[in-house]
């Protein structure tokens, strides 16, 4: 996994936590920290989280290393 994908994954996790807080407690952590939903910094962070989600779409279609690995043949002589 590249550095960009790791960063995107971290941003996506932050976004998921924020949405969980909004859903369960009606509390927007990003807005609380950065001055409301309409502030420029909050909008930038929301945009970065959205872009990170799009980057992570590639992970859905990336073949898993476990799937590609072949099983060792038993009793091969």
N, C-alpha and C. Protein backbone atom coordinates (compact mmCIF):
# COMPACT_ATOMS: atom_id res chain seq x y z
N UNK A 1 0.86 -1.17 0.00
CA UNK A 1 0.00 0.00 0.00
C UNK A 1 0.91 1.23 0.00
N UNK A 2 0.64 2.14 -0.90
CA UNK A 2 1.47 3.33 -1.04
C UNK A 2 1.15 4.34 0.07
N UNK A 3 2.02 5.33 0.19
CA UNK A 3 1.83 6.37 1.19
C UNK A 3 0.56 7.17 0.97
N UNK A 4 0.22 7.40 -0.29
CA UNK A 4 -1.00 8.15 -0.61
C UNK A 4 -2.22 7.34 -0.18
N UNK A 5 -2.20 6.04 -0.43
CA UNK A 5 -3.32 5.19 -0.04
C UNK A 5 -3.46 5.11 1.47
N UNK A 6 -2.34 5.06 2.18
CA UNK A 6 -2.39 5.04 3.65
C UNK A 6 -2.97 6.34 4.19
N UNK A 7 -2.52 7.46 3.62
CA UNK A 7 -3.05 8.76 4.04
C UNK A 7 -4.53 8.85 3.74
N UNK A 8 -4.93 8.39 2.57
CA UNK A 8 -6.34 8.40 2.20
C UNK A 8 -7.15 7.51 3.14
N UNK A 9 -6.59 6.38 3.52
CA UNK A 9 -7.30 5.48 4.44
C UNK A 9 -7.48 6.14 5.81
N UNK A 10 -6.45 6.83 6.30
CA UNK A 10 -6.56 7.53 7.58
C UNK A 10 -7.63 8.61 7.51
N UNK A 11 -7.64 9.39 6.42
CA UNK A 11 -8.66 10.43 6.25
C UNK A 11 -10.06 9.84 6.16
N UNK A 12 -10.19 8.71 5.50
CA UNK A 12 -11.48 8.05 5.39
C UNK A 12 -11.96 7.56 6.76
N UNK A 13 -11.04 7.05 7.56
CA UNK A 13 -11.39 6.60 8.91
C UNK A 13 -11.83 7.79 9.76
N UNK A 14 -11.12 8.91 9.64
CA UNK A 14 -11.52 10.12 10.37
C UNK A 14 -12.92 10.55 9.95
N UNK A 15 -13.19 10.50 8.66
CA UNK A 15 -14.53 10.84 8.17
C UNK A 15 -15.59 9.90 8.70
N UNK A 16 -15.26 8.61 8.77
CA UNK A 16 -16.22 7.63 9.29
C UNK A 16 -16.51 7.86 10.77
N UNK A 17 -15.46 8.18 11.51
CA UNK A 17 -15.67 8.48 12.94
C UNK A 17 -16.54 9.72 13.09
N UNK A 18 -16.27 10.73 12.28
CA UNK A 18 -17.07 11.96 12.35
C UNK A 18 -18.53 11.68 12.02
N UNK A 19 -18.78 10.87 10.98
CA UNK A 19 -20.17 10.53 10.63
C UNK A 19 -20.82 9.70 11.73
N UNK A 20 -20.06 8.85 12.38
CA UNK A 20 -20.61 8.09 13.51
C UNK A 20 -21.02 9.01 14.65
N UNK A 21 -20.18 10.00 14.94
CA UNK A 21 -20.52 10.97 15.98
C UNK A 21 -21.77 11.78 15.60
N UNK A 22 -21.87 12.14 14.33
CA UNK A 22 -23.06 12.88 13.87
C UNK A 22 -24.30 12.00 14.01
N UNK A 23 -24.19 10.75 13.59
CA UNK A 23 -25.34 9.85 13.63
C UNK A 23 -25.81 9.51 15.03
N UNK A 24 -24.87 9.25 15.92
CA UNK A 24 -25.24 8.81 17.26
C UNK A 24 -25.49 9.96 18.24
N UNK A 25 -24.71 11.04 18.09
CA UNK A 25 -24.76 12.10 19.11
C UNK A 25 -25.09 13.48 18.55
N UNK A 26 -25.34 13.59 17.24
CA UNK A 26 -25.58 14.87 16.58
C UNK A 26 -24.46 15.86 16.90
N UNK A 27 -23.22 15.38 16.84
CA UNK A 27 -22.05 16.19 17.13
C UNK A 27 -21.07 16.07 15.99
N UNK A 28 -20.77 17.19 15.33
CA UNK A 28 -19.83 17.24 14.22
C UNK A 28 -18.48 17.68 14.77
N UNK A 29 -17.57 16.73 14.95
CA UNK A 29 -16.27 17.00 15.55
C UNK A 29 -15.44 17.95 14.69
N UNK A 30 -15.44 17.76 13.38
CA UNK A 30 -14.68 18.62 12.48
C UNK A 30 -15.16 20.06 12.60
N UNK A 31 -16.47 20.25 12.58
CA UNK A 31 -17.03 21.60 12.70
C UNK A 31 -16.70 22.20 14.07
N UNK A 32 -16.74 21.39 15.12
CA UNK A 32 -16.45 21.89 16.46
C UNK A 32 -14.99 22.33 16.59
N UNK A 33 -14.10 21.58 15.98
CA UNK A 33 -12.67 21.91 16.09
C UNK A 33 -12.29 23.10 15.21
N UNK A 34 -12.84 23.14 14.00
CA UNK A 34 -12.37 24.11 13.01
C UNK A 34 -13.33 25.27 12.74
N UNK A 35 -14.29 25.52 13.62
CA UNK A 35 -15.08 26.74 13.52
C UNK A 35 -16.37 26.65 12.75
N UNK A 36 -17.03 25.52 12.74
CA UNK A 36 -18.32 25.39 12.08
C UNK A 36 -18.21 24.79 10.69
N UNK A 37 -19.35 24.32 10.19
CA UNK A 37 -19.36 23.66 8.89
C UNK A 37 -19.06 24.60 7.74
N UNK A 38 -19.35 25.87 7.89
CA UNK A 38 -19.17 26.82 6.80
C UNK A 38 -17.78 27.43 6.76
N UNK A 39 -16.94 27.17 7.77
CA UNK A 39 -15.60 27.77 7.76
C UNK A 39 -14.76 27.15 6.64
N UNK A 40 -13.83 27.91 6.15
CA UNK A 40 -13.00 27.46 5.02
C UNK A 40 -12.20 26.22 5.39
N UNK A 41 -11.64 26.19 6.59
CA UNK A 41 -10.82 25.04 6.99
C UNK A 41 -11.66 23.76 7.10
N UNK A 42 -12.86 23.88 7.65
CA UNK A 42 -13.74 22.71 7.72
C UNK A 42 -14.10 22.21 6.34
N UNK A 43 -14.39 23.11 5.44
CA UNK A 43 -14.75 22.71 4.07
C UNK A 43 -13.59 22.04 3.36
N UNK A 44 -12.37 22.51 3.63
CA UNK A 44 -11.18 21.87 3.04
C UNK A 44 -11.05 20.45 3.57
N UNK A 45 -11.22 20.28 4.87
CA UNK A 45 -11.11 18.94 5.47
C UNK A 45 -12.20 18.02 4.93
N UNK A 46 -13.44 18.52 4.84
CA UNK A 46 -14.52 17.71 4.26
C UNK A 46 -14.17 17.31 2.82
N UNK A 47 -13.61 18.23 2.06
CA UNK A 47 -13.21 17.93 0.69
C UNK A 47 -12.11 16.89 0.62
N UNK A 48 -11.11 17.00 1.52
CA UNK A 48 -10.03 16.02 1.54
C UNK A 48 -10.54 14.63 1.93
N UNK A 49 -11.47 14.57 2.85
CA UNK A 49 -12.05 13.28 3.24
C UNK A 49 -12.81 12.69 2.05
N UNK A 50 -13.52 13.51 1.31
CA UNK A 50 -14.24 13.03 0.13
C UNK A 50 -13.29 12.50 -0.93
N UNK A 51 -12.22 13.22 -1.19
CA UNK A 51 -11.21 12.77 -2.17
C UNK A 51 -10.57 11.47 -1.69
N UNK A 52 -10.30 11.39 -0.39
CA UNK A 52 -9.71 10.16 0.17
C UNK A 52 -10.63 8.96 -0.05
N UNK A 53 -11.93 9.18 0.10
CA UNK A 53 -12.88 8.11 -0.15
C UNK A 53 -12.82 7.64 -1.60
N UNK A 54 -12.67 8.58 -2.52
CA UNK A 54 -12.57 8.21 -3.93
C UNK A 54 -11.28 7.45 -4.22
N UNK A 55 -10.19 7.86 -3.58
CA UNK A 55 -8.92 7.15 -3.75
C UNK A 55 -9.05 5.71 -3.22
N UNK A 56 -9.76 5.56 -2.12
CA UNK A 56 -9.92 4.23 -1.53
C UNK A 56 -10.83 3.32 -2.33
N UNK A 57 -11.56 3.86 -3.28
CA UNK A 57 -12.35 2.99 -4.16
C UNK A 57 -11.45 1.99 -4.88
N UNK A 58 -10.23 2.39 -5.16
CA UNK A 58 -9.28 1.50 -5.81
C UNK A 58 -8.98 0.26 -4.99
N UNK A 59 -9.08 0.38 -3.66
CA UNK A 59 -8.82 -0.78 -2.80
C UNK A 59 -9.87 -1.86 -2.97
N UNK A 60 -11.07 -1.47 -3.38
CA UNK A 60 -12.13 -2.46 -3.59
C UNK A 60 -11.79 -3.41 -4.73
N UNK A 61 -11.09 -2.89 -5.73
CA UNK A 61 -10.84 -3.66 -6.94
C UNK A 61 -9.41 -4.21 -6.99
N UNK A 62 -8.62 -3.93 -5.97
CA UNK A 62 -7.26 -4.43 -5.93
C UNK A 62 -7.29 -5.88 -5.46
N UNK A 63 -6.65 -6.78 -6.20
CA UNK A 63 -6.68 -8.19 -5.79
C UNK A 63 -5.94 -8.37 -4.47
N UNK A 64 -6.48 -9.21 -3.64
CA UNK A 64 -5.89 -9.50 -2.34
C UNK A 64 -4.70 -10.44 -2.51
N UNK A 65 -3.67 -10.23 -1.73
CA UNK A 65 -2.49 -11.09 -1.80
C UNK A 65 -2.84 -12.52 -1.38
N UNK A 66 -3.82 -12.65 -0.49
CA UNK A 66 -4.21 -13.99 -0.04
C UNK A 66 -4.91 -14.76 -1.16
N UNK A 67 -5.64 -14.06 -2.00
CA UNK A 67 -6.34 -14.72 -3.09
C UNK A 67 -5.35 -15.17 -4.16
N UNK A 68 -4.33 -14.36 -4.41
CA UNK A 68 -3.36 -14.68 -5.45
C UNK A 68 -2.42 -15.80 -5.06
N UNK A 69 -2.21 -16.01 -3.77
CA UNK A 69 -1.28 -17.02 -3.29
C UNK A 69 -1.82 -18.41 -3.62
N UNK A 70 -0.96 -19.25 -4.17
CA UNK A 70 -1.40 -20.62 -4.48
C UNK A 70 -1.12 -21.52 -3.31
N UNK A 71 -1.96 -22.50 -3.14
CA UNK A 71 -1.80 -23.45 -2.05
C UNK A 71 -0.65 -24.40 -2.38
N UNK A 72 0.21 -24.71 -1.39
CA UNK A 72 1.28 -25.68 -1.65
C UNK A 72 0.70 -27.08 -1.83
N UNK A 73 1.28 -27.79 -2.76
CA UNK A 73 0.81 -29.15 -3.03
C UNK A 73 1.39 -30.09 -1.99
N UNK A 74 0.54 -30.95 -1.45
CA UNK A 74 0.97 -31.88 -0.42
C UNK A 74 1.51 -33.16 -1.07
N UNK A 75 2.46 -33.79 -0.43
CA UNK A 75 3.02 -35.07 -0.83
C UNK A 75 3.57 -35.05 -2.25
N UNK A 76 4.18 -33.95 -2.62
CA UNK A 76 4.77 -33.86 -3.96
C UNK A 76 6.17 -34.47 -3.91
N UNK A 77 6.43 -35.46 -4.77
CA UNK A 77 7.75 -36.12 -4.79
C UNK A 77 8.28 -36.20 -6.17
